[in-house]
């Protein structure tokens, strides 16, 4: 029994290390393909495509699969990103105003209201990139399905949006974690989110 337990522990450790290495590679690919900023949507969509294969333990060639999804979803994923960006930028401005406090001259109550409203929209759009990576649909169809899922699965969508907000928070307030964010700051939250949204996608299949 003791020998079996040790072997099981080694197997779990080996699996965990292998997954961590895959996530580091994936994180670097996302960063590389996000350099023009406008391509972030396509890079994140490709990441979700790879992550779903990883979570489902399907055969996958990480780099090949990533660039295949990046190319095939580029146009629509870019439009989805620009739509999301229209809410992300005001959200970032509200956060900066709160950090500046009274120096900004902007009422704090309005900043909080703007944060709540912006975050609520991001919750409703939490499923956009996972849906884009897994289903063939029009732009309007993907957005509509994301809104419906955001409402129908609101607690799960809220957690997804919250998880994605954490790296941005740490990047702005805890610079010491920057090296870790560089290695896993996108793919690790994506992996955790994938484990949460995978059952939802399975329901839709």
N, C-alpha and C. Protein backbone atom coordinates (compact mmCIF):
# COMPACT_ATOMS: atom_id res chain seq x y z
N UNK A 1 0.83 -1.21 0.00
CA UNK A 1 0.00 0.00 0.00
C UNK A 1 0.86 1.26 0.00
N UNK A 2 1.95 1.21 0.81
CA UNK A 2 2.82 2.38 0.91
C UNK A 2 3.49 2.66 -0.43
N UNK A 3 3.94 1.54 -1.08
CA UNK A 3 4.59 1.70 -2.39
C UNK A 3 3.62 2.26 -3.41
N UNK A 4 2.39 1.76 -3.40
CA UNK A 4 1.36 2.25 -4.33
C UNK A 4 1.08 3.72 -4.09
N UNK A 5 1.04 4.12 -2.79
CA UNK A 5 0.76 5.52 -2.45
C UNK A 5 1.86 6.42 -2.97
N UNK A 6 3.11 5.97 -2.84
CA UNK A 6 4.25 6.76 -3.33
C UNK A 6 4.18 6.92 -4.83
N UNK A 7 3.86 5.81 -5.53
CA UNK A 7 3.76 5.86 -6.99
C UNK A 7 2.64 6.79 -7.43
N UNK A 8 1.51 6.74 -6.70
CA UNK A 8 0.40 7.63 -7.02
C UNK A 8 0.79 9.08 -6.83
N UNK A 9 1.54 9.36 -5.74
CA UNK A 9 1.99 10.73 -5.47
C UNK A 9 2.93 11.21 -6.56
N UNK A 10 3.84 10.31 -6.99
CA UNK A 10 4.77 10.67 -8.07
C UNK A 10 4.00 10.95 -9.36
N UNK A 11 2.98 10.13 -9.62
CA UNK A 11 2.19 10.31 -10.83
C UNK A 11 1.44 11.64 -10.81
N UNK A 12 0.85 11.97 -9.66
CA UNK A 12 0.14 13.25 -9.53
C UNK A 12 1.10 14.42 -9.68
N UNK A 13 2.29 14.30 -9.07
CA UNK A 13 3.28 15.37 -9.17
C UNK A 13 3.74 15.54 -10.61
N UNK A 14 3.99 14.41 -11.28
CA UNK A 14 4.42 14.45 -12.68
C UNK A 14 3.36 15.10 -13.56
N UNK A 15 2.08 14.74 -13.32
CA UNK A 15 0.98 15.33 -14.09
C UNK A 15 0.87 16.83 -13.84
N UNK A 16 1.01 17.22 -12.57
CA UNK A 16 0.92 18.64 -12.21
C UNK A 16 2.06 19.43 -12.85
N UNK A 17 3.28 18.87 -12.83
CA UNK A 17 4.42 19.54 -13.42
C UNK A 17 4.25 19.66 -14.94
N UNK A 18 3.72 18.59 -15.55
CA UNK A 18 3.48 18.62 -16.99
C UNK A 18 2.45 19.68 -17.37
N UNK A 19 1.39 19.76 -16.58
CA UNK A 19 0.36 20.78 -16.83
C UNK A 19 0.92 22.18 -16.65
N UNK A 20 1.73 22.37 -15.60
CA UNK A 20 2.34 23.69 -15.35
C UNK A 20 3.22 24.12 -16.53
N UNK A 21 4.00 23.17 -17.07
CA UNK A 21 4.86 23.47 -18.20
C UNK A 21 4.04 23.85 -19.44
N UNK A 22 2.95 23.11 -19.67
CA UNK A 22 2.06 23.43 -20.79
C UNK A 22 1.47 24.84 -20.63
N UNK A 23 1.08 25.18 -19.41
CA UNK A 23 0.49 26.50 -19.16
C UNK A 23 1.51 27.62 -19.34
N UNK A 24 2.75 27.37 -18.96
CA UNK A 24 3.80 28.37 -19.17
C UNK A 24 4.03 28.60 -20.66
N UNK A 25 4.12 27.51 -21.41
CA UNK A 25 4.28 27.63 -22.87
C UNK A 25 3.11 28.37 -23.49
N UNK A 26 1.92 28.04 -23.04
CA UNK A 26 0.71 28.67 -23.58
C UNK A 26 0.68 30.15 -23.22
N UNK A 27 1.07 30.48 -22.01
CA UNK A 27 1.09 31.88 -21.58
C UNK A 27 2.03 32.71 -22.45
N UNK A 28 3.20 32.15 -22.75
CA UNK A 28 4.17 32.87 -23.58
C UNK A 28 3.65 33.05 -25.00
N UNK A 29 2.93 32.05 -25.53
CA UNK A 29 2.34 32.18 -26.86
C UNK A 29 1.29 33.29 -26.89
N UNK A 30 0.47 33.34 -25.84
CA UNK A 30 -0.57 34.39 -25.77
C UNK A 30 0.08 35.77 -25.72
N UNK A 31 1.11 35.91 -24.89
CA UNK A 31 1.80 37.21 -24.80
C UNK A 31 2.43 37.59 -26.13
N UNK A 32 3.07 36.63 -26.79
CA UNK A 32 3.72 36.88 -28.08
C UNK A 32 2.71 37.35 -29.11
N UNK A 33 1.54 36.73 -29.13
CA UNK A 33 0.53 37.06 -30.14
C UNK A 33 -0.37 38.22 -29.73
N UNK A 34 -0.12 38.79 -28.55
CA UNK A 34 -0.91 39.93 -28.08
C UNK A 34 -0.15 41.25 -28.17
N UNK A 35 1.07 41.19 -28.72
CA UNK A 35 1.92 42.39 -28.75
C UNK A 35 1.25 43.56 -29.46
N UNK A 36 0.55 43.40 -30.59
CA UNK A 36 -0.12 44.57 -31.19
C UNK A 36 -1.35 45.03 -30.42
N UNK A 37 -1.73 44.35 -29.33
CA UNK A 37 -2.90 44.64 -28.48
C UNK A 37 -4.22 44.34 -29.18
N UNK A 38 -4.36 44.75 -30.44
CA UNK A 38 -5.61 44.50 -31.14
C UNK A 38 -5.83 43.00 -31.37
N UNK A 39 -4.75 42.22 -31.31
CA UNK A 39 -4.85 40.77 -31.55
C UNK A 39 -5.09 39.98 -30.26
N UNK A 40 -5.30 40.67 -29.15
CA UNK A 40 -5.51 39.97 -27.87
C UNK A 40 -6.70 39.02 -27.95
N UNK A 41 -7.78 39.45 -28.59
CA UNK A 41 -8.97 38.61 -28.68
C UNK A 41 -8.68 37.29 -29.37
N UNK A 42 -7.95 37.34 -30.48
CA UNK A 42 -7.62 36.11 -31.20
C UNK A 42 -6.70 35.22 -30.38
N UNK A 43 -5.75 35.84 -29.67
CA UNK A 43 -4.81 35.07 -28.84
C UNK A 43 -5.54 34.38 -27.68
N UNK A 44 -6.45 35.10 -27.04
CA UNK A 44 -7.19 34.53 -25.90
C UNK A 44 -8.15 33.43 -26.38
N UNK A 45 -8.77 33.65 -27.54
CA UNK A 45 -9.65 32.62 -28.10
C UNK A 45 -8.85 31.35 -28.41
N UNK A 46 -7.68 31.51 -29.01
CA UNK A 46 -6.82 30.35 -29.30
C UNK A 46 -6.41 29.65 -28.01
N UNK A 47 -6.15 30.44 -26.96
CA UNK A 47 -5.79 29.85 -25.67
C UNK A 47 -6.94 28.98 -25.14
N UNK A 48 -8.17 29.48 -25.23
CA UNK A 48 -9.32 28.71 -24.75
C UNK A 48 -9.48 27.41 -25.56
N UNK A 49 -9.20 27.48 -26.84
CA UNK A 49 -9.28 26.29 -27.70
C UNK A 49 -8.33 25.21 -27.20
N UNK A 50 -7.10 25.61 -26.87
CA UNK A 50 -6.09 24.67 -26.38
C UNK A 50 -6.43 24.18 -24.98
N UNK A 51 -6.89 25.11 -24.13
CA UNK A 51 -7.19 24.74 -22.75
C UNK A 51 -8.31 23.71 -22.65
N UNK A 52 -9.31 23.83 -23.52
CA UNK A 52 -10.41 22.87 -23.48
C UNK A 52 -9.90 21.47 -23.82
N UNK A 53 -8.99 21.38 -24.77
CA UNK A 53 -8.38 20.09 -25.10
C UNK A 53 -7.57 19.56 -23.91
N UNK A 54 -6.88 20.48 -23.23
CA UNK A 54 -6.06 20.09 -22.08
C UNK A 54 -6.93 19.58 -20.94
N UNK A 55 -8.00 20.31 -20.64
CA UNK A 55 -8.90 19.92 -19.55
C UNK A 55 -9.60 18.60 -19.86
N UNK A 56 -9.96 18.39 -21.13
CA UNK A 56 -10.66 17.16 -21.53
C UNK A 56 -9.70 16.02 -21.83
N UNK A 57 -8.40 16.30 -21.66
CA UNK A 57 -7.36 15.28 -21.90
C UNK A 57 -7.43 14.71 -23.31
N UNK A 58 -7.70 15.58 -24.27
CA UNK A 58 -7.72 15.18 -25.67
C UNK A 58 -6.32 15.32 -26.26
N UNK A 59 -6.05 14.55 -27.29
CA UNK A 59 -4.76 14.66 -27.97
C UNK A 59 -4.59 16.07 -28.52
N UNK A 60 -3.44 16.66 -28.24
CA UNK A 60 -3.23 18.05 -28.66
C UNK A 60 -1.75 18.32 -28.89
N UNK A 61 -1.48 19.11 -29.93
CA UNK A 61 -0.15 19.64 -30.18
C UNK A 61 -0.24 21.14 -29.92
N UNK A 62 0.22 21.55 -28.75
CA UNK A 62 -0.10 22.88 -28.23
C UNK A 62 0.17 24.00 -29.22
N UNK A 63 1.37 24.10 -29.73
CA UNK A 63 1.73 25.21 -30.62
C UNK A 63 0.92 25.16 -31.91
N UNK A 64 0.83 23.97 -32.51
CA UNK A 64 0.08 23.83 -33.77
C UNK A 64 -1.39 24.17 -33.58
N UNK A 65 -1.99 23.64 -32.51
CA UNK A 65 -3.41 23.90 -32.25
C UNK A 65 -3.66 25.37 -31.94
N UNK A 66 -2.73 25.97 -31.22
CA UNK A 66 -2.88 27.39 -30.88
C UNK A 66 -2.92 28.25 -32.14
N UNK A 67 -1.95 28.06 -33.02
CA UNK A 67 -1.90 28.92 -34.21
C UNK A 67 -3.00 28.58 -35.20
N UNK A 68 -3.46 27.34 -35.22
CA UNK A 68 -4.61 26.98 -36.05
C UNK A 68 -5.84 27.78 -35.61
N UNK A 69 -6.10 27.78 -34.30
CA UNK A 69 -7.26 28.51 -33.77
C UNK A 69 -7.06 30.02 -33.92
N UNK A 70 -5.83 30.48 -33.74
CA UNK A 70 -5.54 31.91 -33.86
C UNK A 70 -5.89 32.42 -35.27
N UNK A 71 -5.50 31.65 -36.27
CA UNK A 71 -5.77 32.06 -37.65
C UNK A 71 -7.25 31.94 -38.00
N UNK A 72 -7.87 30.82 -37.62
CA UNK A 72 -9.25 30.58 -38.04
C UNK A 72 -10.26 31.51 -37.35
N UNK A 73 -9.95 31.95 -36.13
CA UNK A 73 -10.89 32.81 -35.38
C UNK A 73 -10.47 34.27 -35.37
N UNK A 74 -9.42 34.61 -36.11
CA UNK A 74 -8.83 35.95 -35.98
C UNK A 74 -9.83 37.09 -36.17
N UNK A 75 -10.57 37.07 -37.27
CA UNK A 75 -11.46 38.20 -37.58
C UNK A 75 -12.53 38.41 -36.54
N UNK A 76 -13.30 37.37 -36.26
CA UNK A 76 -14.43 37.52 -35.33
C UNK A 76 -13.95 37.71 -33.89
N UNK A 77 -12.89 37.01 -33.51
CA UNK A 77 -12.36 37.16 -32.15
C UNK A 77 -11.84 38.58 -31.92
N UNK A 78 -11.27 39.18 -32.97
CA UNK A 78 -10.79 40.56 -32.86
C UNK A 78 -11.96 41.52 -32.65
N UNK A 79 -13.04 41.32 -33.36
CA UNK A 79 -14.23 42.16 -33.17
C UNK A 79 -14.80 41.99 -31.76
N UNK A 80 -14.83 40.76 -31.27
CA UNK A 80 -15.31 40.52 -29.91
C UNK A 80 -14.44 41.24 -28.89
N UNK A 81 -13.13 41.23 -29.12
CA UNK A 81 -12.20 41.91 -28.22
C UNK A 81 -12.44 43.42 -28.23
N UNK A 82 -12.66 43.98 -29.40
CA UNK A 82 -12.89 45.43 -29.48
C UNK A 82 -14.19 45.81 -28.76
N UNK A 83 -15.19 44.95 -28.85
CA UNK A 83 -16.44 45.21 -28.13
C UNK A 83 -16.19 45.16 -26.62
N UNK A 84 -15.44 44.16 -26.17
CA UNK A 84 -15.13 44.06 -24.75
C UNK A 84 -14.28 45.23 -24.29
N UNK A 85 -13.37 45.65 -25.16
CA UNK A 85 -12.47 46.75 -24.82
C UNK A 85 -13.24 48.04 -24.55
N UNK A 86 -14.38 48.19 -25.22
CA UNK A 86 -15.22 49.37 -25.01
C UNK A 86 -15.71 49.46 -23.57
N UNK A 87 -15.72 48.33 -22.87
CA UNK A 87 -16.13 48.32 -21.46
C UNK A 87 -14.93 48.23 -20.53
N UNK A 88 -13.85 47.59 -21.01
CA UNK A 88 -12.66 47.42 -20.18
C UNK A 88 -11.97 48.77 -19.94
N UNK A 89 -11.87 49.61 -20.97
CA UNK A 89 -11.19 50.89 -20.83
C UNK A 89 -11.88 51.80 -19.81
N UNK A 90 -13.20 52.01 -19.90
CA UNK A 90 -13.86 52.82 -18.86
C UNK A 90 -13.71 52.23 -17.46
N UNK A 91 -13.70 50.88 -17.38
CA UNK A 91 -13.52 50.22 -16.09
C UNK A 91 -12.15 50.55 -15.52
N UNK A 92 -11.13 50.52 -16.36
CA UNK A 92 -9.78 50.87 -15.93
C UNK A 92 -9.67 52.32 -15.49
N UNK A 93 -10.35 53.20 -16.21
CA UNK A 93 -10.34 54.63 -15.85
C UNK A 93 -10.98 54.83 -14.48
N UNK A 94 -12.09 54.13 -14.22
CA UNK A 94 -12.76 54.24 -12.92
C UNK A 94 -11.84 53.76 -11.80
N UNK A 95 -11.11 52.68 -12.04
CA UNK A 95 -10.17 52.18 -11.04
C UNK A 95 -9.07 53.19 -10.76
N UNK A 96 -8.55 53.81 -11.82
CA UNK A 96 -7.50 54.82 -11.65
C UNK A 96 -8.02 56.01 -10.85
N UNK A 97 -9.24 56.42 -11.11
CA UNK A 97 -9.82 57.54 -10.39
C UNK A 97 -9.99 57.23 -8.90
N UNK A 98 -10.37 55.98 -8.61
CA UNK A 98 -10.50 55.58 -7.21
C UNK A 98 -9.13 55.58 -6.53
N UNK A 99 -8.10 55.13 -7.25
CA UNK A 99 -6.75 55.12 -6.69
C UNK A 99 -6.26 56.54 -6.42
N UNK A 100 -6.63 57.48 -7.29
CA UNK A 100 -6.20 58.87 -7.14
C UNK A 100 -6.94 59.57 -6.00
N UNK A 101 -8.11 59.02 -5.61
CA UNK A 101 -8.86 59.61 -4.50
C UNK A 101 -9.39 60.98 -4.84
N UNK A 102 -9.28 61.87 -3.92
CA UNK A 102 -9.82 63.22 -4.08
C UNK A 102 -9.08 64.03 -5.13
N UNK A 103 -7.86 63.62 -5.47
CA UNK A 103 -7.06 64.39 -6.43
C UNK A 103 -7.72 64.43 -7.81
N UNK A 104 -8.48 63.40 -8.14
CA UNK A 104 -9.11 63.36 -9.46
C UNK A 104 -10.26 64.35 -9.57
N UNK A 105 -10.85 64.71 -8.44
CA UNK A 105 -12.00 65.61 -8.47
C UNK A 105 -13.27 64.96 -8.96
N UNK A 106 -13.23 63.62 -9.14
CA UNK A 106 -14.40 62.90 -9.64
C UNK A 106 -15.11 62.26 -8.46
N UNK A 107 -16.42 62.43 -8.34
CA UNK A 107 -17.15 61.86 -7.19
C UNK A 107 -16.93 60.35 -7.06
N UNK A 108 -16.56 59.90 -5.87
CA UNK A 108 -16.28 58.48 -5.65
C UNK A 108 -17.52 57.63 -5.88
N UNK A 109 -18.69 58.17 -5.54
CA UNK A 109 -19.93 57.40 -5.72
C UNK A 109 -20.14 57.05 -7.19
N UNK A 110 -19.83 58.01 -8.07
CA UNK A 110 -19.98 57.75 -9.50
C UNK A 110 -18.95 56.74 -9.99
N UNK A 111 -17.74 56.79 -9.41
CA UNK A 111 -16.71 55.82 -9.78
C UNK A 111 -17.13 54.41 -9.39
N UNK A 112 -17.69 54.28 -8.18
CA UNK A 112 -18.16 52.96 -7.74
C UNK A 112 -19.31 52.47 -8.62
N UNK A 113 -20.22 53.38 -8.96
CA UNK A 113 -21.35 53.01 -9.82
C UNK A 113 -20.85 52.56 -11.19
N UNK A 114 -19.86 53.27 -11.73
CA UNK A 114 -19.28 52.90 -13.01
C UNK A 114 -18.58 51.55 -12.96
N UNK A 115 -17.90 51.27 -11.83
CA UNK A 115 -17.24 49.98 -11.66
C UNK A 115 -18.26 48.84 -11.65
N UNK A 116 -19.32 49.03 -10.90
CA UNK A 116 -20.35 47.99 -10.80
C UNK A 116 -20.98 47.73 -12.17
N UNK A 117 -21.33 48.82 -12.87
CA UNK A 117 -21.98 48.69 -14.18
C UNK A 117 -21.04 48.02 -15.19
N UNK A 118 -19.77 48.46 -15.21
CA UNK A 118 -18.80 47.88 -16.14
C UNK A 118 -18.53 46.41 -15.86
N UNK A 119 -18.41 46.08 -14.57
CA UNK A 119 -18.15 44.69 -14.21
C UNK A 119 -19.35 43.80 -14.54
N UNK A 120 -20.55 44.34 -14.36
CA UNK A 120 -21.76 43.59 -14.69
C UNK A 120 -21.79 43.21 -16.17
N UNK A 121 -21.36 44.14 -17.02
CA UNK A 121 -21.32 43.86 -18.46
C UNK A 121 -20.28 42.77 -18.75
N UNK A 122 -19.12 42.86 -18.08
CA UNK A 122 -18.09 41.85 -18.30
C UNK A 122 -18.56 40.47 -17.82
N UNK A 123 -19.38 40.44 -16.78
CA UNK A 123 -19.95 39.16 -16.33
C UNK A 123 -20.83 38.58 -17.43
N UNK A 124 -21.66 39.43 -18.03
CA UNK A 124 -22.56 38.96 -19.09
C UNK A 124 -21.79 38.52 -20.34
N UNK A 125 -20.58 39.05 -20.51
CA UNK A 125 -19.76 38.69 -21.67
C UNK A 125 -18.69 37.65 -21.32
N UNK A 126 -18.80 37.04 -20.14
CA UNK A 126 -17.76 36.14 -19.66
C UNK A 126 -17.57 34.90 -20.53
N UNK A 127 -18.62 34.51 -21.26
CA UNK A 127 -18.54 33.29 -22.06
C UNK A 127 -18.17 33.55 -23.53
N UNK A 128 -17.91 34.80 -23.89
CA UNK A 128 -17.71 35.10 -25.32
C UNK A 128 -16.54 34.34 -25.94
N UNK A 129 -15.36 34.44 -25.36
CA UNK A 129 -14.20 33.80 -25.96
C UNK A 129 -14.26 32.27 -25.88
N UNK A 130 -14.72 31.67 -24.77
CA UNK A 130 -14.90 30.22 -24.78
C UNK A 130 -15.88 29.76 -25.86
N UNK A 131 -16.99 30.48 -26.04
CA UNK A 131 -17.95 30.11 -27.08
C UNK A 131 -17.34 30.26 -28.47
N UNK A 132 -16.60 31.35 -28.67
CA UNK A 132 -15.97 31.60 -29.96
C UNK A 132 -14.96 30.50 -30.29
N UNK A 133 -14.27 30.01 -29.27
CA UNK A 133 -13.23 29.01 -29.51
C UNK A 133 -13.80 27.62 -29.82
N UNK A 134 -15.05 27.39 -29.43
CA UNK A 134 -15.58 26.03 -29.50
C UNK A 134 -16.73 25.85 -30.49
N UNK A 135 -17.45 26.92 -30.80
CA UNK A 135 -18.62 26.81 -31.67
C UNK A 135 -18.50 27.74 -32.86
N UNK A 136 -19.01 27.30 -34.01
CA UNK A 136 -19.07 28.15 -35.19
C UNK A 136 -20.39 28.93 -35.14
N UNK A 137 -20.30 30.25 -35.12
CA UNK A 137 -21.50 31.08 -35.03
C UNK A 137 -21.16 32.47 -35.55
N UNK A 138 -22.20 33.26 -35.81
CA UNK A 138 -21.99 34.64 -36.22
C UNK A 138 -21.58 35.47 -35.00
N UNK A 139 -21.12 36.69 -35.27
CA UNK A 139 -20.74 37.59 -34.18
C UNK A 139 -21.95 37.85 -33.27
N UNK A 140 -23.09 38.16 -33.88
CA UNK A 140 -24.30 38.43 -33.11
C UNK A 140 -24.73 37.18 -32.33
N UNK A 141 -24.59 36.01 -32.96
CA UNK A 141 -24.97 34.77 -32.30
C UNK A 141 -24.11 34.49 -31.08
N UNK A 142 -22.79 34.70 -31.23
CA UNK A 142 -21.88 34.46 -30.10
C UNK A 142 -22.17 35.42 -28.96
N UNK A 143 -22.38 36.69 -29.29
CA UNK A 143 -22.69 37.68 -28.25
C UNK A 143 -24.02 37.37 -27.57
N UNK A 144 -25.01 37.02 -28.38
CA UNK A 144 -26.33 36.70 -27.83
C UNK A 144 -26.28 35.49 -26.91
N UNK A 145 -25.55 34.46 -27.32
CA UNK A 145 -25.43 33.26 -26.49
C UNK A 145 -24.66 33.55 -25.21
N UNK A 146 -23.65 34.42 -25.30
CA UNK A 146 -22.90 34.79 -24.11
C UNK A 146 -23.79 35.54 -23.11
N UNK A 147 -24.61 36.45 -23.62
CA UNK A 147 -25.52 37.19 -22.75
C UNK A 147 -26.52 36.24 -22.08
N UNK A 148 -27.05 35.31 -22.85
CA UNK A 148 -28.01 34.36 -22.28
C UNK A 148 -27.36 33.47 -21.23
N UNK A 149 -26.14 33.01 -21.52
CA UNK A 149 -25.44 32.18 -20.54
C UNK A 149 -25.05 32.99 -19.30
N UNK A 150 -24.67 34.25 -19.53
CA UNK A 150 -24.32 35.11 -18.41
C UNK A 150 -25.47 35.28 -17.43
N UNK A 151 -26.68 35.32 -17.96
CA UNK A 151 -27.87 35.44 -17.11
C UNK A 151 -28.26 34.08 -16.52
N UNK A 152 -28.26 33.05 -17.37
CA UNK A 152 -28.68 31.73 -16.91
C UNK A 152 -27.69 31.11 -15.92
N UNK A 153 -26.41 31.41 -16.11
CA UNK A 153 -25.36 30.86 -15.25
C UNK A 153 -24.66 32.00 -14.50
N UNK A 154 -25.45 32.92 -13.97
CA UNK A 154 -24.87 34.15 -13.42
C UNK A 154 -23.81 33.91 -12.34
N UNK A 155 -24.04 33.04 -11.35
CA UNK A 155 -22.99 32.85 -10.34
C UNK A 155 -21.67 32.38 -10.96
N UNK A 156 -21.76 31.45 -11.91
CA UNK A 156 -20.56 30.95 -12.57
C UNK A 156 -19.90 32.04 -13.41
N UNK A 157 -20.73 32.81 -14.13
CA UNK A 157 -20.21 33.90 -14.95
C UNK A 157 -19.53 34.96 -14.08
N UNK A 158 -20.11 35.23 -12.92
CA UNK A 158 -19.52 36.20 -11.98
C UNK A 158 -18.14 35.74 -11.54
N UNK A 159 -18.01 34.46 -11.21
CA UNK A 159 -16.72 33.92 -10.78
C UNK A 159 -15.71 34.00 -11.92
N UNK A 160 -16.14 33.70 -13.15
CA UNK A 160 -15.24 33.79 -14.31
C UNK A 160 -14.70 35.20 -14.46
N UNK A 161 -15.59 36.20 -14.40
CA UNK A 161 -15.17 37.59 -14.55
C UNK A 161 -14.25 38.00 -13.40
N UNK A 162 -14.55 37.53 -12.19
CA UNK A 162 -13.73 37.87 -11.02
C UNK A 162 -12.33 37.30 -11.16
N UNK A 163 -12.24 36.05 -11.61
CA UNK A 163 -10.93 35.41 -11.78
C UNK A 163 -10.08 36.19 -12.78
N UNK A 164 -10.72 36.65 -13.87
CA UNK A 164 -9.96 37.42 -14.87
C UNK A 164 -9.56 38.80 -14.35
N UNK A 165 -10.30 39.32 -13.37
CA UNK A 165 -9.96 40.65 -12.82
C UNK A 165 -8.75 40.58 -11.89
N UNK A 166 -8.49 39.41 -11.31
CA UNK A 166 -7.40 39.29 -10.32
C UNK A 166 -6.01 39.60 -10.89
N UNK A 167 -5.62 39.06 -12.07
CA UNK A 167 -4.29 39.40 -12.59
C UNK A 167 -4.11 40.90 -12.81
N UNK A 168 -5.16 41.57 -13.32
CA UNK A 168 -5.07 43.02 -13.53
C UNK A 168 -4.90 43.74 -12.20
N UNK A 169 -5.61 43.29 -11.17
CA UNK A 169 -5.48 43.91 -9.85
C UNK A 169 -4.06 43.76 -9.31
N UNK A 170 -3.52 42.54 -9.38
CA UNK A 170 -2.17 42.31 -8.86
C UNK A 170 -1.12 43.06 -9.67
N UNK A 171 -1.33 43.17 -10.96
CA UNK A 171 -0.38 43.88 -11.81
C UNK A 171 -0.32 45.35 -11.43
N UNK A 172 -1.48 45.92 -11.06
CA UNK A 172 -1.55 47.33 -10.70
C UNK A 172 -1.10 47.61 -9.28
N UNK A 173 -1.26 46.64 -8.38
CA UNK A 173 -1.04 46.91 -6.96
C UNK A 173 0.08 46.10 -6.31
N UNK A 174 0.49 44.99 -6.92
CA UNK A 174 1.55 44.16 -6.32
C UNK A 174 2.57 43.83 -7.40
N UNK A 175 3.47 44.75 -7.65
CA UNK A 175 4.42 44.59 -8.76
C UNK A 175 5.37 43.42 -8.54
N UNK A 176 5.52 42.98 -7.29
CA UNK A 176 6.44 41.87 -7.00
C UNK A 176 6.01 40.58 -7.69
N UNK A 177 4.73 40.47 -8.03
CA UNK A 177 4.25 39.23 -8.66
C UNK A 177 4.39 39.29 -10.18
N UNK A 178 4.98 40.35 -10.71
CA UNK A 178 5.08 40.50 -12.17
C UNK A 178 5.76 39.31 -12.85
N UNK A 179 6.88 38.77 -12.32
CA UNK A 179 7.49 37.60 -12.98
C UNK A 179 6.53 36.41 -13.06
N UNK A 180 5.75 36.19 -12.00
CA UNK A 180 4.79 35.09 -12.01
C UNK A 180 3.69 35.34 -13.03
N UNK A 181 3.24 36.60 -13.12
CA UNK A 181 2.22 36.95 -14.10
C UNK A 181 2.74 36.76 -15.52
N UNK A 182 4.03 37.00 -15.70
CA UNK A 182 4.64 36.84 -17.02
C UNK A 182 4.62 35.38 -17.45
N UNK A 183 4.73 34.49 -16.49
CA UNK A 183 4.76 33.05 -16.80
C UNK A 183 3.38 32.42 -16.84
N UNK A 184 2.48 32.87 -15.94
CA UNK A 184 1.20 32.18 -15.79
C UNK A 184 0.01 33.12 -15.62
N UNK A 185 0.23 34.42 -15.81
CA UNK A 185 -0.79 35.41 -15.50
C UNK A 185 -2.03 35.36 -16.37
N UNK A 186 -1.94 34.72 -17.55
CA UNK A 186 -3.10 34.60 -18.45
C UNK A 186 -3.57 33.16 -18.52
N UNK A 187 -2.64 32.24 -18.72
CA UNK A 187 -3.02 30.84 -18.93
C UNK A 187 -3.55 30.17 -17.66
N UNK A 188 -3.02 30.53 -16.48
CA UNK A 188 -3.50 29.91 -15.24
C UNK A 188 -4.94 30.33 -14.92
N UNK A 189 -5.25 31.64 -14.94
CA UNK A 189 -6.67 32.00 -14.77
C UNK A 189 -7.55 31.36 -15.85
N UNK A 190 -7.03 31.29 -17.08
CA UNK A 190 -7.78 30.66 -18.16
C UNK A 190 -8.04 29.19 -17.89
N UNK A 191 -7.05 28.50 -17.34
CA UNK A 191 -7.19 27.08 -17.02
C UNK A 191 -8.24 26.86 -15.93
N UNK A 192 -8.19 27.70 -14.89
CA UNK A 192 -9.17 27.60 -13.80
C UNK A 192 -10.57 27.88 -14.35
N UNK A 193 -10.68 28.91 -15.19
CA UNK A 193 -11.97 29.24 -15.79
C UNK A 193 -12.47 28.12 -16.69
N UNK A 194 -11.55 27.49 -17.42
CA UNK A 194 -11.94 26.41 -18.32
C UNK A 194 -12.56 25.25 -17.55
N UNK A 195 -12.03 24.95 -16.38
CA UNK A 195 -12.60 23.89 -15.56
C UNK A 195 -14.01 24.26 -15.08
N UNK A 196 -14.27 25.57 -14.98
CA UNK A 196 -15.60 26.02 -14.55
C UNK A 196 -16.60 26.05 -15.70
N UNK A 197 -16.14 26.47 -16.89
CA UNK A 197 -17.10 26.60 -17.99
C UNK A 197 -17.20 25.33 -18.86
N UNK A 198 -16.29 24.39 -18.70
CA UNK A 198 -16.34 23.17 -19.52
C UNK A 198 -17.67 22.42 -19.38
N UNK A 199 -18.20 22.26 -18.14
CA UNK A 199 -19.51 21.59 -18.02
C UNK A 199 -20.64 22.34 -18.75
N UNK A 200 -20.54 23.67 -18.79
CA UNK A 200 -21.56 24.47 -19.49
C UNK A 200 -21.50 24.21 -20.99
N UNK A 201 -20.28 24.19 -21.54
CA UNK A 201 -20.12 23.90 -22.97
C UNK A 201 -20.60 22.49 -23.28
N UNK A 202 -20.37 21.58 -22.36
CA UNK A 202 -20.79 20.20 -22.58
C UNK A 202 -22.31 20.11 -22.66
N UNK A 203 -23.00 20.93 -21.88
CA UNK A 203 -24.46 20.97 -21.93
C UNK A 203 -24.95 21.45 -23.30
N UNK A 204 -24.18 22.37 -23.91
CA UNK A 204 -24.59 22.96 -25.17
C UNK A 204 -24.28 22.08 -26.38
N UNK A 205 -23.37 21.14 -26.23
CA UNK A 205 -22.91 20.33 -27.36
C UNK A 205 -24.02 19.37 -27.85
